[in-house]
Amino acid sequence: MYVARKYRNDRLIFILIALELPFIIIILTFTGIASHNRYRTKLWQDGYDNGFNSSPDAAIYAAANYRPYTTPMVWSSFATNYNLVIAILSTFIFITKFPLHVLRILYPAPSAFFHAGLVAIYCASASFQAGSDTSDPRHLQRGAPWYIAKSCSVAYDKGNIGYCEQAKSLFAFTIVIIVLYFVEFVVAVYNCFITDEERAEREEALEEKRTMKEYEDMILKSPSFIPMTPRAVPMNPGTATYPLPAMPVMIPRSLAFNRLDTPSSSDLPLRETFSSPNPPPPAVQQEVEAASSVKQPQPQIYFPPPPKKALKK
């Protein structure tokens, strides 16, 4: 079974990546604003004032009466922090995914794997944001919270309208990014399976590679093959080779330099003549040689010198 190593339509992948970038930035911005309980408790209290959900003070009353209490997931700090973490995670995945696809090393199989993971974690985020609140029997909320199911104009405190719109927008963009990641997952799964034409091309390439390998092995095992090494030559065809001593390297100028380096200059009649910058004329040179050949008498020197005769008076 062959697994594809590239996408069939790179332009479609680039379009999906370009569409993904603005939604990731928006979700990262909204989750960053909502972190550290920016407006979660305010919307919770506003819903209680309108009779839509439980009160944020229910945990205090339950603790005072020694009763167990579990904060609804839609109002818990875990949901807020979870949304922020997955927004940061999807940002880093995008930063890694884009250059990998540009370099053509983003294979469809790994892409399908981590896009399936992104779909799963964002579906969990959407379920946390749209969770129910049944902790207070007098104010049951069996569906999405009021800021998603109702208009923000019904807010008890009009100062919470802006927070309501931010929470509603975050939920909407979460749904959009889920759809976008699901499309990328489907495209990746579709590209994991190669077509008949791609399978034929892959088999042809493998067959060509196998043929070249067999041909190289045949050449290497043939008796007439001579290794291209300067220190080993075959004694006879089909026999083992034996090492030879290193041969001197000869170049076209080696002979000329060797001749110039010989001590004898009989074959170089002009060397002595033109060795000095101002060579003397031949006649002067002969006279100098004749004069130098005549030996001058040298005075005889005694050591120690003989004693001088005393002068008679």
C-alpha atoms as a PDB file:
ATOM      1  CA  MET A   1       0.000   0.000   0.000  1.00  0.00           C
ATOM      2  CA  TYR A   2       1.421   3.323  -1.082  1.00  0.00           C
ATOM      3  CA  VAL A   3       0.905   6.501   0.948  1.00  0.00           C
ATOM      4  CA  ALA A   4       1.047   9.849  -0.810  1.00  0.00           C
ATOM      5  CA  ARG A   5       3.850  12.218   0.073  1.00  0.00           C
ATOM      6  CA  LYS A   6       2.406  15.398  -1.377  1.00  0.00           C
ATOM      7  CA  TYR A   7      -0.894  17.126  -1.990  1.00  0.00           C
ATOM      8  CA  ARG A   8      -2.439  17.010  -5.431  1.00  0.00           C
ATOM      9  CA  ASN A   9      -3.619  20.612  -5.255  1.00  0.00           C
ATOM     10  CA  ASP A  10      -1.184  22.895  -3.476  1.00  0.00           C
ATOM     11  CA  ARG A  11      -3.210  25.988  -4.306  1.00  0.00           C
ATOM     12  CA  LEU A  12      -6.179  24.700  -2.296  1.00  0.00           C
ATOM     13  CA  ILE A  13      -3.958  24.117   0.739  1.00  0.00           C
ATOM     14  CA  PHE A  14      -2.513  27.618   0.518  1.00  0.00           C
ATOM     15  CA  ILE A  15      -6.046  29.050   0.336  1.00  0.00           C
ATOM     16  CA  LEU A  16      -7.103  27.114   3.439  1.00  0.00           C
ATOM     17  CA  ILE A  17      -3.986  28.238   5.309  1.00  0.00           C
ATOM     18  CA  ALA A  18      -4.631  31.853   4.310  1.00  0.00           C
ATOM     19  CA  LEU A  19      -8.214  31.570   5.589  1.00  0.00           C
ATOM     20  CA  GLU A  20      -7.033  30.008   8.833  1.00  0.00           C
ATOM     21  CA  LEU A  21      -4.672  32.820   9.833  1.00  0.00           C
ATOM     22  CA  PRO A  22      -7.217  35.614  10.569  1.00  0.00           C
ATOM     23  CA  PHE A  23      -9.479  33.302  12.570  1.00  0.00           C
ATOM     24  CA  ILE A  24      -6.563  32.129  14.706  1.00  0.00           C
ATOM     25  CA  ILE A  25      -5.563  35.720  15.428  1.00  0.00           C
ATOM     26  CA  ILE A  26      -9.134  36.671  16.370  1.00  0.00           C
ATOM     27  CA  ILE A  27      -9.590  33.661  18.658  1.00  0.00           C
ATOM     28  CA  LEU A  28      -6.235  34.302  20.307  1.00  0.00           C
ATOM     29  CA  THR A  29      -7.233  37.916  20.931  1.00  0.00           C
ATOM     30  CA  PHE A  30     -10.631  37.076  22.429  1.00  0.00           C
ATOM     31  CA  THR A  31      -9.292  34.313  24.655  1.00  0.00           C
ATOM     32  CA  GLY A  32      -6.516  36.601  25.855  1.00  0.00           C
ATOM     33  CA  ILE A  33      -9.072  39.258  26.797  1.00  0.00           C
ATOM     34  CA  ALA A  34     -11.278  36.714  28.572  1.00  0.00           C
ATOM     35  CA  SER A  35      -8.415  35.259  30.609  1.00  0.00           C
ATOM     36  CA  HIS A  36      -8.013  36.020  34.328  1.00  0.00           C
ATOM     37  CA  ASN A  37     -11.805  36.204  34.756  1.00  0.00           C
ATOM     38  CA  ARG A  38     -12.212  39.380  32.754  1.00  0.00           C
ATOM     39  CA  TYR A  39     -15.974  39.036  32.340  1.00  0.00           C
ATOM     40  CA  ARG A  40     -16.944  35.427  33.187  1.00  0.00           C
ATOM     41  CA  THR A  41     -18.285  36.183  36.661  1.00  0.00           C
ATOM     42  CA  LYS A  42     -19.980  39.370  35.437  1.00  0.00           C
ATOM     43  CA  LEU A  43     -21.956  37.487  32.793  1.00  0.00           C
ATOM     44  CA  TRP A  44     -22.763  34.787  35.334  1.00  0.00           C
ATOM     45  CA  GLN A  45     -24.126  37.351  37.786  1.00  0.00           C
ATOM     46  CA  ASP A  46     -26.016  39.159  35.014  1.00  0.00           C
ATOM     47  CA  GLY A  47     -27.726  35.905  34.028  1.00  0.00           C
ATOM     48  CA  TYR A  48     -28.729  35.269  37.633  1.00  0.00           C
ATOM     49  CA  ASP A  49     -30.169  38.775  37.937  1.00  0.00           C
ATOM     50  CA  ASN A  50     -32.338  38.016  34.907  1.00  0.00           C
ATOM     51  CA  GLY A  51     -33.267  34.567  36.255  1.00  0.00           C
ATOM     52  CA  PHE A  52     -31.461  32.688  33.462  1.00  0.00           C
ATOM     53  CA  ASN A  53     -28.932  30.678  35.488  1.00  0.00           C
ATOM     54  CA  SER A  54     -27.530  30.060  38.974  1.00  0.00           C
ATOM     55  CA  SER A  55     -25.758  32.579  41.153  1.00  0.00           C
ATOM     56  CA  PRO A  56     -21.998  32.946  41.502  1.00  0.00           C
ATOM     57  CA  ASP A  57     -22.533  32.988  45.285  1.00  0.00           C
ATOM     58  CA  ALA A  58     -23.920  29.449  45.264  1.00  0.00           C
ATOM     59  CA  ALA A  59     -20.472  28.055  46.019  1.00  0.00           C
ATOM     60  CA  ILE A  60     -20.232  30.232  49.149  1.00  0.00           C
ATOM     61  CA  TYR A  61     -23.686  29.146  50.394  1.00  0.00           C
ATOM     62  CA  ALA A  62     -22.853  25.490  49.741  1.00  0.00           C
ATOM     63  CA  ALA A  63     -19.584  25.758  51.663  1.00  0.00           C
ATOM     64  CA  ALA A  64     -21.337  27.492  54.574  1.00  0.00           C
ATOM     65  CA  ASN A  65     -23.916  24.685  54.759  1.00  0.00           C
ATOM     66  CA  TYR A  66     -21.314  21.921  54.296  1.00  0.00           C
ATOM     67  CA  ARG A  67     -22.798  20.794  51.022  1.00  0.00           C
ATOM     68  CA  PRO A  68     -20.814  19.628  48.017  1.00  0.00           C
ATOM     69  CA  TYR A  69     -20.833  21.970  45.091  1.00  0.00           C
ATOM     70  CA  THR A  70     -19.428  21.735  41.581  1.00  0.00           C
ATOM     71  CA  THR A  71     -19.098  24.847  39.472  1.00  0.00           C
ATOM     72  CA  PRO A  72     -20.803  24.448  36.094  1.00  0.00           C
ATOM     73  CA  MET A  73     -18.257  24.011  33.320  1.00  0.00           C
ATOM     74  CA  VAL A  74     -19.596  26.981  31.393  1.00  0.00           C
ATOM     75  CA  TRP A  75     -18.721  29.280  34.335  1.00  0.00           C
ATOM     76  CA  SER A  76     -15.528  27.575  35.486  1.00  0.00           C
ATOM     77  CA  SER A  77     -12.032  28.996  35.230  1.00  0.00           C
ATOM     78  CA  PHE A  78     -10.927  25.752  33.594  1.00  0.00           C
ATOM     79  CA  ALA A  79     -12.967  26.527  30.482  1.00  0.00           C
ATOM     80  CA  THR A  80     -11.474  30.018  30.227  1.00  0.00           C
ATOM     81  CA  ASN A  81      -7.905  28.787  30.596  1.00  0.00           C
ATOM     82  CA  TYR A  82      -8.568  25.887  28.237  1.00  0.00           C
ATOM     83  CA  ASN A  83      -9.682  28.247  25.486  1.00  0.00           C
ATOM     84  CA  LEU A  84      -6.542  30.334  25.902  1.00  0.00           C
ATOM     85  CA  VAL A  85      -4.250  27.291  25.806  1.00  0.00           C
ATOM     86  CA  ILE A  86      -5.729  25.811  22.635  1.00  0.00           C
ATOM     87  CA  ALA A  87      -5.594  29.216  20.946  1.00  0.00           C
ATOM     88  CA  ILE A  88      -1.865  29.434  21.670  1.00  0.00           C
ATOM     89  CA  LEU A  89      -1.398  25.816  20.571  1.00  0.00           C
ATOM     90  CA  SER A  90      -3.162  26.353  17.258  1.00  0.00           C
ATOM     91  CA  THR A  91      -1.024  29.451  16.672  1.00  0.00           C
ATOM     92  CA  PHE A  92       2.198  27.479  17.081  1.00  0.00           C
ATOM     93  CA  ILE A  93       0.846  24.702  14.849  1.00  0.00           C
ATOM     94  CA  PHE A  94       0.087  27.259  12.161  1.00  0.00           C
ATOM     95  CA  ILE A  95       3.581  28.765  12.447  1.00  0.00           C
ATOM     96  CA  THR A  96       5.032  25.273  11.964  1.00  0.00           C
ATOM     97  CA  LYS A  97       2.594  24.106   9.301  1.00  0.00           C
ATOM     98  CA  PHE A  98       3.022  26.984   6.866  1.00  0.00           C
ATOM     99  CA  PRO A  99       6.811  26.702   6.269  1.00  0.00           C
ATOM    100  CA  LEU A 100       6.562  22.903   6.133  1.00  0.00           C
ATOM    101  CA  HIS A 101       4.017  23.135   3.352  1.00  0.00           C
ATOM    102  CA  VAL A 102       6.082  25.740   1.510  1.00  0.00           C
ATOM    103  CA  LEU A 103       9.065  23.353   1.644  1.00  0.00           C
ATOM    104  CA  ARG A 104       6.846  20.491   0.388  1.00  0.00           C
ATOM    105  CA  ILE A 105       7.572  18.324   3.429  1.00  0.00           C
ATOM    106  CA  LEU A 106       4.085  18.506   4.976  1.00  0.00           C
ATOM    107  CA  TYR A 107       2.802  15.043   4.117  1.00  0.00           C
ATOM    108  CA  PRO A 108      -0.962  14.407   4.046  1.00  0.00           C
ATOM    109  CA  ALA A 109      -0.883  11.635   6.685  1.00  0.00           C
ATOM    110  CA  PRO A 110       0.664  13.722   9.513  1.00  0.00           C
ATOM    111  CA  SER A 111      -1.476  16.663   8.442  1.00  0.00           C
ATOM    112  CA  ALA A 112      -4.633  14.579   8.793  1.00  0.00           C
ATOM    113  CA  PHE A 113      -3.495  13.414  12.228  1.00  0.00           C
ATOM    114  CA  PHE A 114      -2.954  16.811  13.840  1.00  0.00           C
ATOM    115  CA  HIS A 115      -5.949  18.395  12.090  1.00  0.00           C
ATOM    116  CA  ALA A 116      -8.119  15.678  13.603  1.00  0.00           C
ATOM    117  CA  GLY A 117      -6.661  16.607  16.990  1.00  0.00           C
ATOM    118  CA  LEU A 118      -7.416  20.290  16.411  1.00  0.00           C
ATOM    119  CA  VAL A 119     -11.009  19.475  15.497  1.00  0.00           C
ATOM    120  CA  ALA A 120     -11.376  17.439  18.702  1.00  0.00           C
ATOM    121  CA  ILE A 121      -9.978  20.078  21.069  1.00  0.00           C
ATOM    122  CA  TYR A 122     -12.021  22.871  19.510  1.00  0.00           C
ATOM    123  CA  CYS A 123     -15.175  20.775  19.698  1.00  0.00           C
ATOM    124  CA  ALA A 124     -14.480  20.389  23.410  1.00  0.00           C
ATOM    125  CA  SER A 125     -14.031  24.160  23.670  1.00  0.00           C
ATOM    126  CA  ALA A 126     -17.359  24.770  21.953  1.00  0.00           C
ATOM    127  CA  SER A 127     -19.077  22.319  24.310  1.00  0.00           C
ATOM    128  CA  PHE A 128     -17.589  24.126  27.320  1.00  0.00           C
ATOM    129  CA  GLN A 129     -18.757  27.512  26.064  1.00  0.00           C
ATOM    130  CA  ALA A 130     -22.266  26.260  25.301  1.00  0.00           C
ATOM    131  CA  GLY A 131     -22.611  24.088  28.403  1.00  0.00           C
ATOM    132  CA  SER A 132     -25.688  23.957  30.573  1.00  0.00           C
ATOM    133  CA  ASP A 133     -26.136  25.108  34.181  1.00  0.00           C
ATOM    134  CA  THR A 134     -28.418  22.958  36.312  1.00  0.00           C
ATOM    135  CA  SER A 135     -26.798  23.563  39.687  1.00  0.00           C
ATOM    136  CA  ASP A 136     -29.748  25.689  40.877  1.00  0.00           C
ATOM    137  CA  PRO A 137     -33.115  23.883  40.610  1.00  0.00           C
ATOM    138  CA  ARG A 138     -34.935  27.217  40.708  1.00  0.00           C
ATOM    139  CA  HIS A 139     -32.959  28.609  37.750  1.00  0.00           C
ATOM    140  CA  LEU A 140     -32.312  25.755  35.387  1.00  0.00           C
ATOM    141  CA  GLN A 141     -30.337  26.437  32.233  1.00  0.00           C
ATOM    142  CA  ARG A 142     -30.577  23.335  30.054  1.00  0.00           C
ATOM    143  CA  GLY A 143     -29.005  24.776  26.928  1.00  0.00           C
ATOM    144  CA  ALA A 144     -26.447  27.360  25.976  1.00  0.00           C
ATOM    145  CA  PRO A 145     -25.914  30.321  28.338  1.00  0.00           C
ATOM    146  CA  TRP A 146     -27.927  33.444  27.858  1.00  0.00           C
ATOM    147  CA  TYR A 147     -25.185  35.439  26.110  1.00  0.00           C
ATOM    148  CA  ILE A 148     -25.229  32.846  23.288  1.00  0.00           C
ATOM    149  CA  ALA A 149     -28.904  31.891  23.172  1.00  0.00           C
ATOM    150  CA  LYS A 150     -30.288  35.408  23.605  1.00  0.00           C
ATOM    151  CA  SER A 151     -29.591  38.885  22.374  1.00  0.00           C
ATOM    152  CA  CYS A 152     -27.064  40.933  24.299  1.00  0.00           C
ATOM    153  CA  SER A 153     -29.657  43.698  24.683  1.00  0.00           C
ATOM    154  CA  VAL A 154     -31.400  41.688  27.436  1.00  0.00           C
ATOM    155  CA  ALA A 155     -28.425  42.179  29.763  1.00  0.00           C
ATOM    156  CA  TYR A 156     -29.469  43.328  33.217  1.00  0.00           C
ATOM    157  CA  ASP A 157     -26.422  45.555  33.489  1.00  0.00           C
ATOM    158  CA  LYS A 158     -25.963  47.480  30.238  1.00  0.00           C
ATOM    159  CA  GLY A 159     -22.254  47.679  30.912  1.00  0.00           C
ATOM    160  CA  ASN A 160     -22.063  43.958  30.209  1.00  0.00           C
ATOM    161  CA  ILE A 161     -23.317  44.253  26.645  1.00  0.00           C
ATOM    162  CA  GLY A 162     -19.778  44.579  25.289  1.00  0.00           C
ATOM    163  CA  TYR A 163     -18.634  41.520  27.235  1.00  0.00           C
ATOM    164  CA  CYS A 164     -21.669  39.625  25.986  1.00  0.00           C
ATOM    165  CA  GLU A 165     -20.762  40.442  22.385  1.00  0.00           C
ATOM    166  CA  GLN A 166     -17.169  39.313  22.923  1.00  0.00           C
ATOM    167  CA  ALA A 167     -18.270  35.980  24.388  1.00  0.00           C
ATOM    168  CA  LYS A 168     -20.786  35.486  21.587  1.00  0.00           C
ATOM    169  CA  SER A 169     -18.135  36.298  18.957  1.00  0.00           C
ATOM    170  CA  LEU A 170     -15.656  33.892  20.524  1.00  0.00           C
ATOM    171  CA  PHE A 171     -18.191  31.088  20.294  1.00  0.00           C
ATOM    172  CA  ALA A 172     -18.998  31.956  16.665  1.00  0.00           C
ATOM    173  CA  PHE A 173     -15.344  31.981  15.611  1.00  0.00           C
ATOM    174  CA  THR A 174     -14.802  28.705  17.452  1.00  0.00           C
ATOM    175  CA  ILE A 175     -17.486  27.094  15.285  1.00  0.00           C
ATOM    176  CA  VAL A 176     -15.920  28.583  12.150  1.00  0.00           C
ATOM    177  CA  ILE A 177     -12.447  27.294  13.002  1.00  0.00           C
ATOM    178  CA  ILE A 178     -13.904  23.842  13.672  1.00  0.00           C
ATOM    179  CA  VAL A 179     -15.425  23.799  10.179  1.00  0.00           C
ATOM    180  CA  LEU A 180     -12.169  25.014   8.640  1.00  0.00           C
ATOM    181  CA  TYR A 181     -10.077  22.407  10.449  1.00  0.00           C
ATOM    182  CA  PHE A 182     -12.540  19.707   9.451  1.00  0.00           C
ATOM    183  CA  VAL A 183     -12.211  20.709   5.787  1.00  0.00           C
ATOM    184  CA  GLU A 184      -8.417  20.532   6.065  1.00  0.00           C
ATOM    185  CA  PHE A 185      -8.747  17.130   7.713  1.00  0.00           C
ATOM    186  CA  VAL A 186     -10.938  15.808   4.887  1.00  0.00           C
ATOM    187  CA  VAL A 187      -8.564  17.169   2.238  1.00  0.00           C
ATOM    188  CA  ALA A 188      -5.584  15.566   3.992  1.00  0.00           C
ATOM    189  CA  VAL A 189      -7.337  12.193   4.261  1.00  0.00           C
ATOM    190  CA  TYR A 190      -8.332  12.369   0.590  1.00  0.00           C
ATOM    191  CA  ASN A 191      -4.717  13.030  -0.412  1.00  0.00           C
ATOM    192  CA  CYS A 192      -3.392  10.159   1.699  1.00  0.00           C
ATOM    193  CA  PHE A 193      -4.538   7.633  -0.920  1.00  0.00           C
ATOM    194  CA  ILE A 194      -2.797   7.779  -4.280  1.00  0.00           C
ATOM    195  CA  THR A 195      -4.494   7.286  -7.632  1.00  0.00           C
ATOM    196  CA  ASP A 196      -3.741   4.601 -10.219  1.00  0.00           C
ATOM    197  CA  GLU A 197      -1.597   7.015 -12.238  1.00  0.00           C
ATOM    198  CA  GLU A 198       0.466   7.935  -9.185  1.00  0.00           C
ATOM    199  CA  ARG A 199       0.862   4.253  -8.299  1.00  0.00           C
ATOM    200  CA  ALA A 200       2.087   3.485 -11.826  1.00  0.00           C
ATOM    201  CA  GLU A 201       4.594   6.351 -11.665  1.00  0.00           C
ATOM    202  CA  ARG A 202       5.829   5.163  -8.268  1.00  0.00           C
ATOM    203  CA  GLU A 203       6.276   1.590  -9.513  1.00  0.00           C
ATOM    204  CA  GLU A 204       8.060   2.798 -12.637  1.00  0.00           C
ATOM    205  CA  ALA A 205      10.471   4.871 -10.566  1.00  0.00           C
ATOM    206  CA  LEU A 206      11.163   1.909  -8.265  1.00  0.00           C
ATOM    207  CA  GLU A 207      11.735  -0.387 -11.238  1.00  0.00           C
ATOM    208  CA  GLU A 208      14.165   2.071 -12.798  1.00  0.00           C
ATOM    209  CA  LYS A 209      16.047   2.380  -9.533  1.00  0.00           C
ATOM    210  CA  ARG A 210      16.204  -1.410  -9.179  1.00  0.00           C
ATOM    211  CA  THR A 211      17.510  -1.788 -12.743  1.00  0.00           C
ATOM    212  CA  MET A 212      20.251   0.775 -12.180  1.00  0.00           C
ATOM    213  CA  LYS A 213      21.278  -0.999  -8.981  1.00  0.00           C
ATOM    214  CA  GLU A 214      21.520  -4.349 -10.752  1.00  0.00           C
ATOM    215  CA  TYR A 215      23.555  -2.796 -13.553  1.00  0.00           C
ATOM    216  CA  GLU A 216      26.000  -1.247 -11.079  1.00  0.00           C
ATOM    217  CA  ASP A 217      26.396  -4.572  -9.286  1.00  0.00           C
ATOM    218  CA  MET A 218      27.050  -6.337 -12.582  1.00  0.00           C
ATOM    219  CA  ILE A 219      29.735  -3.814 -13.541  1.00  0.00           C
ATOM    220  CA  LEU A 220      31.427  -4.094 -10.161  1.00  0.00           C
ATOM    221  CA  LYS A 221      31.477  -7.908 -10.300  1.00  0.00           C
ATOM    222  CA  SER A 222      32.651  -8.218 -13.920  1.00  0.00           C
ATOM    223  CA  PRO A 223      36.299  -9.483 -14.437  1.00  0.00           C
ATOM    224  CA  SER A 224      37.143  -6.697 -16.861  1.00  0.00           C
ATOM    225  CA  PHE A 225      36.401  -4.014 -14.320  1.00  0.00           C
ATOM    226  CA  ILE A 226      39.589  -2.165 -13.307  1.00  0.00           C
ATOM    227  CA  PRO A 227      39.390   0.026 -10.220  1.00  0.00           C
ATOM    228  CA  MET A 228      40.473   3.569 -10.910  1.00  0.00           C
ATOM    229  CA  THR A 229      43.187   3.724  -8.283  1.00  0.00           C
ATOM    230  CA  PRO A 230      46.721   4.977  -9.026  1.00  0.00           C
ATOM    231  CA  ARG A 231      48.447   2.617  -6.564  1.00  0.00           C
ATOM    232  CA  ALA A 232      46.918  -0.650  -7.665  1.00  0.00           C
ATOM    233  CA  VAL A 233      46.779  -2.259 -11.125  1.00  0.00           C
ATOM    234  CA  PRO A 234      45.763  -5.798 -12.100  1.00  0.00           C
ATOM    235  CA  MET A 235      48.571  -8.277 -12.741  1.00  0.00           C
ATOM    236  CA  ASN A 236      46.458 -10.197 -15.227  1.00  0.00           C
ATOM    237  CA  PRO A 237      42.816  -9.861 -16.269  1.00  0.00           C
ATOM    238  CA  GLY A 238      40.672 -11.387 -13.601  1.00  0.00           C
ATOM    239  CA  THR A 239      43.416 -11.620 -10.979  1.00  0.00           C
ATOM    240  CA  ALA A 240      43.994  -9.721  -7.789  1.00  0.00           C
ATOM    241  CA  THR A 241      45.793  -6.428  -7.753  1.00  0.00           C
ATOM    242  CA  TYR A 242      49.054  -5.608  -5.999  1.00  0.00           C
ATOM    243  CA  PRO A 243      50.218  -2.271  -4.625  1.00  0.00           C
ATOM    244  CA  LEU A 244      52.881  -0.287  -6.414  1.00  0.00           C
ATOM    245  CA  PRO A 245      55.211   2.321  -4.983  1.00  0.00           C
ATOM    246  CA  ALA A 246      54.239   5.892  -5.396  1.00  0.00           C
ATOM    247  CA  MET A 247      55.120   7.221  -8.836  1.00  0.00           C
ATOM    248  CA  PRO A 248      56.751  10.629  -9.110  1.00  0.00           C
ATOM    249  CA  VAL A 249      54.486  13.263 -10.425  1.00  0.00           C
ATOM    250  CA  MET A 250      55.723  14.522 -13.806  1.00  0.00           C
ATOM    251  CA  ILE A 251      54.582  17.699 -15.403  1.00  0.00           C
ATOM    252  CA  PRO A 252      55.706  19.270 -18.706  1.00  0.00           C
ATOM    253  CA  ARG A 253      58.093  21.648 -16.916  1.00  0.00           C
ATOM    254  CA  SER A 254      59.761  19.024 -14.751  1.00  0.00           C
ATOM    255  CA  LEU A 255      62.432  18.168 -17.372  1.00  0.00           C
ATOM    256  CA  ALA A 256      63.376  21.810 -17.886  1.00  0.00           C
ATOM    257  CA  PHE A 257      63.691  22.453 -14.145  1.00  0.00           C
ATOM    258  CA  ASN A 258      65.763  19.312 -13.661  1.00  0.00           C
ATOM    259  CA  ARG A 259      68.200  20.407 -16.337  1.00  0.00           C
ATOM    260  CA  LEU A 260      68.562  23.842 -14.791  1.00  0.00           C
ATOM    261  CA  ASP A 261      69.286  22.305 -11.421  1.00  0.00           C
ATOM    262  CA  THR A 262      72.212  20.131 -12.637  1.00  0.00           C
ATOM    263  CA  PRO A 263      75.696  21.239 -11.491  1.00  0.00           C
ATOM    264  CA  SER A 264      77.134  20.913 -14.990  1.00  0.00           C
ATOM    265  CA  SER A 265      76.602  23.893 -17.243  1.00  0.00           C
ATOM    266  CA  SER A 266      78.321  22.557 -20.336  1.00  0.00           C
ATOM    267  CA  ASP A 267      75.061  22.554 -22.202  1.00  0.00           C
ATOM    268  CA  LEU A 268      74.272  26.100 -21.062  1.00  0.00           C
ATOM    269  CA  PRO A 269      76.924  28.311 -22.774  1.00  0.00           C
ATOM    270  CA  LEU A 270      75.124  31.567 -22.123  1.00  0.00           C
ATOM    271  CA  ARG A 271      74.531  31.077 -18.402  1.00  0.00           C
ATOM    272  CA  GLU A 272      77.881  32.621 -17.343  1.00  0.00           C
ATOM    273  CA  THR A 273      77.716  35.310 -19.977  1.00  0.00           C
ATOM    274  CA  PHE A 274      74.342  36.709 -19.066  1.00  0.00           C
ATOM    275  CA  SER A 275      74.318  35.882 -15.390  1.00  0.00           C
ATOM    276  CA  SER A 276      75.272  39.478 -14.428  1.00  0.00           C
ATOM    277  CA  PRO A 277      73.238  42.521 -15.408  1.00  0.00           C
ATOM    278  CA  ASN A 278      76.255  44.134 -17.279  1.00  0.00           C
ATOM    279  CA  PRO A 279      78.351  41.374 -18.827  1.00  0.00           C
ATOM    280  CA  PRO A 280      81.900  42.506 -19.932  1.00  0.00           C
ATOM    281  CA  PRO A 281      82.973  42.261 -23.574  1.00  0.00           C
ATOM    282  CA  PRO A 282      84.776  39.078 -24.632  1.00  0.00           C
ATOM    283  CA  ALA A 283      88.167  40.847 -25.133  1.00  0.00           C
ATOM    284  CA  VAL A 284      88.110  42.414 -21.685  1.00  0.00           C
ATOM    285  CA  GLN A 285      87.076  39.139 -20.184  1.00  0.00           C
ATOM    286  CA  GLN A 286      90.038  37.350 -21.828  1.00  0.00           C
ATOM    287  CA  GLU A 287      92.475  39.982 -20.548  1.00  0.00           C
ATOM    288  CA  VAL A 288      91.131  39.676 -17.049  1.00  0.00           C
ATOM    289  CA  GLU A 289      91.469  35.928 -17.185  1.00  0.00           C
ATOM    290  CA  ALA A 290      95.086  36.194 -18.514  1.00  0.00           C
ATOM    291  CA  ALA A 291      96.080  38.683 -15.819  1.00  0.00           C
ATOM    292  CA  SER A 292      94.603  36.556 -13.111  1.00  0.00           C
ATOM    293  CA  SER A 293      96.496  33.540 -14.422  1.00  0.00           C
ATOM    294  CA  VAL A 294      99.921  35.266 -13.869  1.00  0.00           C
ATOM    295  CA  LYS A 295     101.143  34.548 -10.371  1.00  0.00           C
ATOM    296  CA  GLN A 296     102.514  37.491  -8.419  1.00  0.00           C
ATOM    297  CA  PRO A 297     105.497  36.860  -6.106  1.00  0.00           C
ATOM    298  CA  GLN A 298     104.491  36.845  -2.524  1.00  0.00           C
ATOM    299  CA  PRO A 299     106.874  38.028   0.220  1.00  0.00           C
ATOM    300  CA  GLN A 300     108.027  35.295   2.560  1.00  0.00           C
ATOM    301  CA  ILE A 301     106.792  35.773   6.067  1.00  0.00           C
ATOM    302  CA  TYR A 302     108.555  34.266   9.052  1.00  0.00           C
ATOM    303  CA  PHE A 303     106.927  33.569  12.316  1.00  0.00           C
ATOM    304  CA  PRO A 304     108.282  34.541  14.683  1.00  0.00           C
ATOM    305  CA  PRO A 305     110.367  37.151  12.851  1.00  0.00           C
ATOM    306  CA  PRO A 306     114.194  36.714  12.987  1.00  0.00           C
ATOM    307  CA  PRO A 307     116.106  38.826  15.499  1.00  0.00           C
ATOM    308  CA  LYS A 308     117.655  42.000  14.211  1.00  0.00           C
ATOM    309  CA  LYS A 309     121.398  42.487  14.392  1.00  0.00           C
ATOM    310  CA  ALA A 310     122.587  44.954  16.959  1.00  0.00           C
ATOM    311  CA  LEU A 311     124.064  48.094  15.567  1.00  0.00           C
ATOM    312  CA  LYS A 312     127.760  48.595  16.300  1.00  0.00           C
ATOM    313  CA  LYS A 313     128.746  51.903  17.730  1.00  0.00           C
END
